Amino acid sequence: MSPRRPAPRPLLAVDAPSLLFRAYYALPRSIKGADGHPVNALLGSVNMMLREIERHDPRAVVMCFGQDAADYRVELFDDYHADREPMEEDIGRQFEEAPDLYAALGWESAAVPALEADDVLGSYALAEQSAGGRALLLTGDRDMFQCVTDRCQVLYLRTGGGGAELIDEAGVRSRYGIPPALVPDLIALRGDPSDGIPGARGIGDKTAADLLRRHGSLEGALAAWAGESPRVRAALHGQAGELRDFKEVATLRAIAVELPPDTPTDWEAGAAAARALGMNALADRLQRQAAR
């Protein structure tokens, strides 16, 4: 019997805005760089990345960026992301500096006009799997659970320490009671306050998951509306058009992307870039890594 071939090293696709915002609000703005401006988001995002790179040894890293609200989502639903505050100047500056720092570390940055970072992440995941590889998606956005397959898992950023939680197909089913492919259907029915999606009136998590288990999809539930309770009937029949739009808003748009070649993290260049920004402790950490 021939020995089993080792699994290919994964492509790590990263929701860069999710990391930067999380670091910005978790670390004090008194952490400043050589120019006197805060670098807390840059520092925190790189430290989070280093932890996951050490754990998962990716073949390459893609830092995905995008618009705050994709054009197609706003066209479908005017109130999408309507309650979000404008980006503060201190983090906006760090967003602008991030791609150069990431490039020094050997991490590619990618963005697609009119789309959000999550669409870009999903596209890289599909492309990597189509090429016969595996993908890991580092994000704090549970919408990305729709991408989970046997060759794509989500590294879900949790609050506090301990690193990201690996979410596989069994993890999605355990959380939601449905397979990953039905996550957009679930969002349409139960809503998503973080994105401003209200969902179906009177339908919460448990009812939404039950409808999808019994009918197989949002369309199946809409077709069977007459057999439900009065409350559920009213929502499914009266909001059918809205719910289809909500599902479309929650569904990622796939676009063609060019996969990066295998690229190791460049500890030396990353250390130099961090030191130039005034992040000396990070530079020392990267220098120690380079010396191993």
Protein backbone atom coordinates (compact mmCIF):
# COMPACT_ATOMS: atom_id res chain seq x y z
CA MET A 1 0.00 0.00 0.00
CA SER A 2 1.46 3.34 -1.06
CA PRO A 3 1.87 6.01 1.66
CA ARG A 4 -0.79 8.71 1.82
CA ARG A 5 0.26 11.94 0.15
CA PRO A 6 0.39 14.90 2.57
CA ALA A 7 -2.35 17.51 2.22
CA PRO A 8 -1.21 20.56 0.25
CA ARG A 9 -0.29 23.60 2.27
CA PRO A 10 -3.27 25.97 2.26
CA LEU A 11 -3.67 29.37 0.71
CA LEU A 12 -4.44 31.81 3.53
CA ALA A 13 -6.90 34.47 2.36
CA VAL A 14 -7.45 37.20 4.92
CA ASP A 15 -10.25 39.68 5.56
CA ALA A 16 -7.82 42.58 6.03
CA PRO A 17 -10.46 45.16 7.09
CA SER A 18 -11.72 42.74 9.75
CA LEU A 19 -8.22 42.39 11.22
CA LEU A 20 -7.42 46.09 11.04
CA PHE A 21 -10.68 47.21 12.68
CA ARG A 22 -10.43 44.52 15.37
CA ALA A 23 -6.87 45.57 16.22
CA TYR A 24 -7.71 49.27 16.11
CA TYR A 25 -10.44 48.96 18.73
CA ALA A 26 -8.60 46.37 20.84
CA LEU A 27 -5.27 48.18 21.22
CA PRO A 28 -4.71 51.69 22.61
CA ARG A 29 -4.18 54.51 20.14
CA SER A 30 -1.27 55.61 22.27
CA ILE A 31 0.76 53.02 20.32
CA LYS A 32 2.32 55.42 17.84
CA GLY A 33 4.85 55.14 15.07
CA ALA A 34 7.83 57.15 13.95
CA ASP A 35 5.61 59.92 12.55
CA GLY A 36 3.64 60.29 15.80
CA HIS A 37 0.46 58.75 14.41
CA PRO A 38 -1.22 55.61 15.82
CA VAL A 39 -0.05 52.27 14.44
CA ASN A 40 -2.19 50.08 16.70
CA ALA A 41 -4.20 48.59 13.83
CA LEU A 42 -1.06 47.77 11.85
CA LEU A 43 0.67 46.24 14.85
CA GLY A 44 -2.32 44.20 15.96
CA SER A 45 -3.16 42.90 12.49
CA VAL A 46 0.39 41.68 11.89
CA ASN A 47 0.59 40.02 15.29
CA MET A 48 -2.68 38.17 14.61
CA MET A 49 -1.33 37.09 11.23
CA LEU A 50 1.93 35.79 12.67
CA ARG A 51 0.05 33.57 15.11
CA GLU A 52 -2.05 31.98 12.35
CA ILE A 53 0.91 31.60 9.99
CA GLU A 54 2.83 29.74 12.68
CA ARG A 55 -0.13 27.44 13.29
CA HIS A 56 -1.14 26.69 9.70
CA ASP A 57 2.01 27.15 7.56
CA PRO A 58 0.24 28.55 4.46
CA ARG A 59 1.81 28.30 1.02
CA ALA A 60 1.01 31.99 0.43
CA VAL A 61 -1.02 34.83 1.96
CA VAL A 62 -3.51 37.16 0.27
CA MET A 63 -4.74 40.17 2.23
CA CYS A 64 -8.17 41.01 0.78
CA PHE A 65 -9.60 44.53 0.78
CA GLY A 66 -12.73 46.09 -0.73
CA GLN A 67 -15.47 48.67 -0.43
CA ASP A 68 -17.44 49.01 2.76
CA ALA A 69 -20.61 48.20 0.80
CA ALA A 70 -20.55 46.40 -2.53
CA ASP A 71 -22.46 48.18 -5.29
CA TYR A 72 -24.70 45.19 -6.02
CA ARG A 73 -25.74 44.90 -2.38
CA VAL A 74 -26.73 48.56 -2.09
CA GLU A 75 -28.66 48.28 -5.36
CA LEU A 76 -30.62 45.35 -3.95
CA PHE A 77 -31.19 46.85 -0.50
CA ASP A 78 -30.84 50.59 0.20
CA ASP A 79 -30.34 50.15 3.95
CA TYR A 80 -27.39 47.78 3.62
CA HIS A 81 -24.62 49.07 5.96
CA ALA A 82 -26.62 52.29 6.31
CA ASP A 83 -25.96 52.59 10.05
CA ARG A 84 -22.17 52.28 9.85
CA GLU A 85 -20.14 55.27 10.95
CA PRO A 86 -17.58 56.84 8.60
CA MET A 87 -14.02 55.59 9.04
CA GLU A 88 -12.00 57.57 11.59
CA GLU A 89 -8.92 59.40 10.33
CA ASP A 90 -6.53 57.42 12.55
CA ILE A 91 -7.57 54.07 11.15
CA GLY A 92 -8.02 55.41 7.61
CA ARG A 93 -4.32 56.34 7.58
CA GLN A 94 -3.40 52.83 8.71
CA PHE A 95 -5.56 51.29 5.99
CA GLU A 96 -3.49 53.27 3.48
CA GLU A 97 -0.19 52.14 5.01
CA ALA A 98 -1.15 48.48 5.43
CA PRO A 99 -0.58 47.15 1.87
CA ASP A 100 3.05 48.33 1.82
CA LEU A 101 3.75 46.74 5.20
CA TYR A 102 2.06 43.51 4.15
CA ALA A 103 3.99 43.50 0.85
CA ALA A 104 7.28 43.74 2.74
CA LEU A 105 6.25 40.61 4.62
CA GLY A 106 5.58 38.81 1.34
CA TRP A 107 1.81 38.98 1.66
CA GLU A 108 -0.10 39.97 -1.46
CA SER A 109 -2.91 42.55 -1.20
CA ALA A 110 -5.96 42.28 -3.45
CA ALA A 111 -9.07 44.38 -4.02
CA VAL A 112 -11.74 44.42 -6.73
CA PRO A 113 -13.68 47.60 -7.61
CA ALA A 114 -17.35 47.63 -6.54
CA LEU A 115 -16.98 44.54 -4.31
CA GLU A 116 -16.25 43.93 -0.63
CA ALA A 117 -13.38 42.03 0.94
CA ASP A 118 -15.64 39.04 1.58
CA ASP A 119 -16.36 38.65 -2.14
CA VAL A 120 -12.61 38.69 -2.81
CA LEU A 121 -11.96 36.10 -0.09
CA GLY A 122 -14.63 33.81 -1.47
CA SER A 123 -13.23 34.14 -4.98
CA TYR A 124 -9.74 33.13 -3.86
CA ALA A 125 -11.18 30.18 -1.97
CA LEU A 126 -12.99 28.95 -5.08
CA ALA A 127 -9.95 29.45 -7.30
CA GLU A 128 -7.62 27.61 -4.94
CA GLN A 129 -9.98 24.64 -4.70
CA SER A 130 -10.46 24.57 -8.46
CA ALA A 131 -6.67 24.35 -8.78
CA GLY A 132 -6.66 21.31 -6.48
CA GLY A 133 -5.57 23.12 -3.32
CA ARG A 134 -6.93 24.00 0.10
CA ALA A 135 -7.95 27.39 1.45
CA LEU A 136 -8.19 28.97 4.89
CA LEU A 137 -10.20 32.17 5.31
CA LEU A 138 -9.21 34.37 8.26
CA THR A 139 -12.11 36.64 9.18
CA GLY A 140 -14.45 37.83 11.90
CA ASP A 141 -17.44 37.70 9.52
CA ARG A 142 -19.73 34.70 9.97
CA ASP A 143 -21.18 35.28 6.51
CA MET A 144 -18.01 33.55 5.27
CA PHE A 145 -19.23 30.25 6.71
CA GLN A 146 -21.02 29.81 3.36
CA CYS A 147 -17.59 29.10 1.82
CA VAL A 148 -16.81 26.11 4.03
CA THR A 149 -16.24 22.79 2.22
CA ASP A 150 -14.06 19.76 2.78
CA ARG A 151 -11.16 21.80 1.31
CA CYS A 152 -11.97 25.25 2.67
CA GLN A 153 -12.29 26.19 6.33
CA VAL A 154 -12.80 29.49 8.10
CA LEU A 155 -10.42 30.75 10.78
CA TYR A 156 -12.96 32.70 12.79
CA LEU A 157 -11.56 35.56 14.86
CA ARG A 158 -12.81 35.40 18.42
CA THR A 159 -12.82 38.08 21.07
CA GLY A 160 -10.02 37.78 23.60
CA GLY A 161 -6.88 35.71 23.20
CA GLY A 162 -6.36 32.20 21.97
CA GLY A 163 -6.25 32.77 18.23
CA ALA A 164 -8.83 32.02 15.58
CA GLU A 165 -11.28 29.12 15.80
CA LEU A 166 -11.15 26.65 12.92
CA ILE A 167 -14.67 26.23 11.50
CA ASP A 168 -15.29 23.21 9.25
CA GLU A 169 -18.50 21.76 7.83
CA ALA A 170 -19.35 20.02 11.10
CA GLY A 171 -18.78 23.31 12.93
CA VAL A 172 -21.25 25.17 10.71
CA ARG A 173 -23.87 22.45 11.17
CA SER A 174 -23.31 22.48 14.93
CA ARG A 175 -23.77 26.27 15.12
CA TYR A 176 -26.69 26.66 12.74
CA GLY A 177 -28.20 23.24 12.13
CA ILE A 178 -27.79 23.62 8.36
CA PRO A 179 -25.02 22.96 5.80
CA PRO A 180 -22.68 25.82 4.80
CA ALA A 181 -24.31 26.33 1.40
CA LEU A 182 -27.54 27.43 3.12
CA VAL A 183 -25.96 30.22 5.19
CA PRO A 184 -27.25 32.94 2.78
CA ASP A 185 -30.76 31.44 3.00
CA LEU A 186 -30.51 31.50 6.80
CA ILE A 187 -29.36 35.13 6.81
CA ALA A 188 -32.26 36.09 4.54
CA LEU A 189 -34.79 34.54 6.93
CA ARG A 190 -33.38 35.46 10.33
CA GLY A 191 -31.68 38.74 9.32
CA ASP A 192 -28.24 40.13 10.13
CA PRO A 193 -28.18 43.29 12.28
CA SER A 194 -24.49 43.95 11.57
CA ASP A 195 -25.31 44.39 7.88
CA GLY A 196 -28.69 46.05 8.43
CA ILE A 197 -30.63 43.07 6.98
CA PRO A 198 -33.94 42.79 8.90
CA GLY A 199 -34.92 39.28 7.74
CA ALA A 200 -38.44 37.89 7.85
CA ARG A 201 -40.78 39.47 10.38
CA GLY A 202 -41.27 37.21 13.39
CA ILE A 203 -38.76 34.57 12.27
CA GLY A 204 -35.68 34.00 14.42
CA ASP A 205 -32.72 31.63 14.33
CA LYS A 206 -34.52 28.43 15.33
CA THR A 207 -37.53 28.91 13.05
CA ALA A 208 -35.30 29.87 10.12
CA ALA A 209 -33.11 26.78 10.55
CA ASP A 210 -36.18 24.56 10.95
CA LEU A 211 -37.70 25.90 7.72
CA LEU A 212 -34.48 25.22 5.83
CA ARG A 213 -34.10 21.70 7.22
CA ARG A 214 -37.67 20.82 6.28
CA HIS A 215 -37.80 22.53 2.87
CA GLY A 216 -34.16 22.46 1.74
CA SER A 217 -33.76 26.12 0.79
CA LEU A 218 -35.33 29.55 0.98
CA GLU A 219 -37.13 28.88 -2.30
CA GLY A 220 -38.47 25.62 -0.92
CA ALA A 221 -39.79 27.41 2.17
CA LEU A 222 -41.40 30.15 0.05
CA ALA A 223 -43.09 27.54 -2.13
CA ALA A 224 -44.51 25.75 0.93
CA TRP A 225 -45.71 28.89 2.74
CA ALA A 226 -49.36 27.80 2.89
CA GLY A 227 -48.58 24.87 5.19
CA GLU A 228 -46.90 26.94 7.90
CA SER A 229 -48.27 28.63 11.00
CA PRO A 230 -50.11 31.95 10.53
CA ARG A 231 -47.10 33.98 11.66
CA VAL A 232 -44.67 32.19 9.34
CA ARG A 233 -47.19 32.18 6.48
CA ALA A 234 -47.52 35.95 6.70
CA ALA A 235 -43.75 36.46 6.56
CA LEU A 236 -43.04 34.00 3.76
CA HIS A 237 -45.94 35.02 1.56
CA GLY A 238 -45.90 38.75 2.27
CA GLN A 239 -42.11 39.23 2.08
CA ALA A 240 -41.16 36.76 -0.64
CA GLY A 241 -39.57 39.37 -2.91
CA GLU A 242 -37.69 41.01 -0.04
CA LEU A 243 -36.39 37.69 1.23
CA ARG A 244 -35.03 36.77 -2.20
CA ASP A 245 -33.22 40.11 -2.28
CA PHE A 246 -31.86 39.55 1.23
CA LYS A 247 -30.47 36.18 0.13
CA GLU A 248 -28.82 37.81 -2.88
CA VAL A 249 -27.28 40.44 -0.60
CA ALA A 250 -25.90 37.70 1.66
CA THR A 251 -24.52 35.62 -1.22
CA LEU A 252 -20.91 36.25 -2.24
CA ARG A 253 -20.12 37.29 -5.80
CA ALA A 254 -17.41 35.16 -7.40
CA ILE A 255 -14.97 36.86 -9.76
CA ALA A 256 -11.85 35.67 -11.57
CA VAL A 257 -8.65 36.05 -9.54
CA GLU A 258 -5.05 35.09 -10.20
CA LEU A 259 -3.66 32.77 -7.57
CA PRO A 260 -0.31 33.76 -6.04
CA PRO A 261 2.71 31.48 -6.30
CA ASP A 262 4.04 29.83 -3.17
CA THR A 263 5.57 32.71 -1.20
CA PRO A 264 7.13 32.41 2.25
CA THR A 265 6.82 35.23 4.74
CA ASP A 266 9.84 37.54 4.42
CA TRP A 267 10.89 38.05 8.02
CA GLU A 268 13.90 40.25 7.23
CA ALA A 269 12.06 42.68 4.94
CA GLY A 270 9.09 42.72 7.29
CA ALA A 271 11.35 43.62 10.20
CA ALA A 272 12.86 46.50 8.23
CA ALA A 273 9.42 47.82 7.27
CA ALA A 274 8.13 47.56 10.84
CA ARG A 275 11.19 49.39 12.17
CA ALA A 276 10.77 52.16 9.60
CA LEU A 277 7.23 52.67 10.91
CA GLY A 278 8.48 52.86 14.48
CA MET A 279 7.19 49.43 15.55
CA ASN A 280 10.43 48.32 17.12
CA ALA A 281 9.05 45.49 19.28
CA LEU A 282 7.40 43.96 16.20
CA ALA A 283 10.62 44.44 14.23
CA ASP A 284 12.56 42.61 16.94
CA ARG A 285 10.04 39.76 16.89
CA LEU A 286 10.36 39.42 13.11
CA GLN A 287 14.14 39.59 13.34
CA ARG A 288 14.17 36.74 15.83
CA GLN A 289 11.98 34.73 13.50
CA ALA A 290 14.39 35.39 10.64
CA ALA A 291 17.27 34.08 12.72
CA ARG A 292 15.66 30.69 13.36
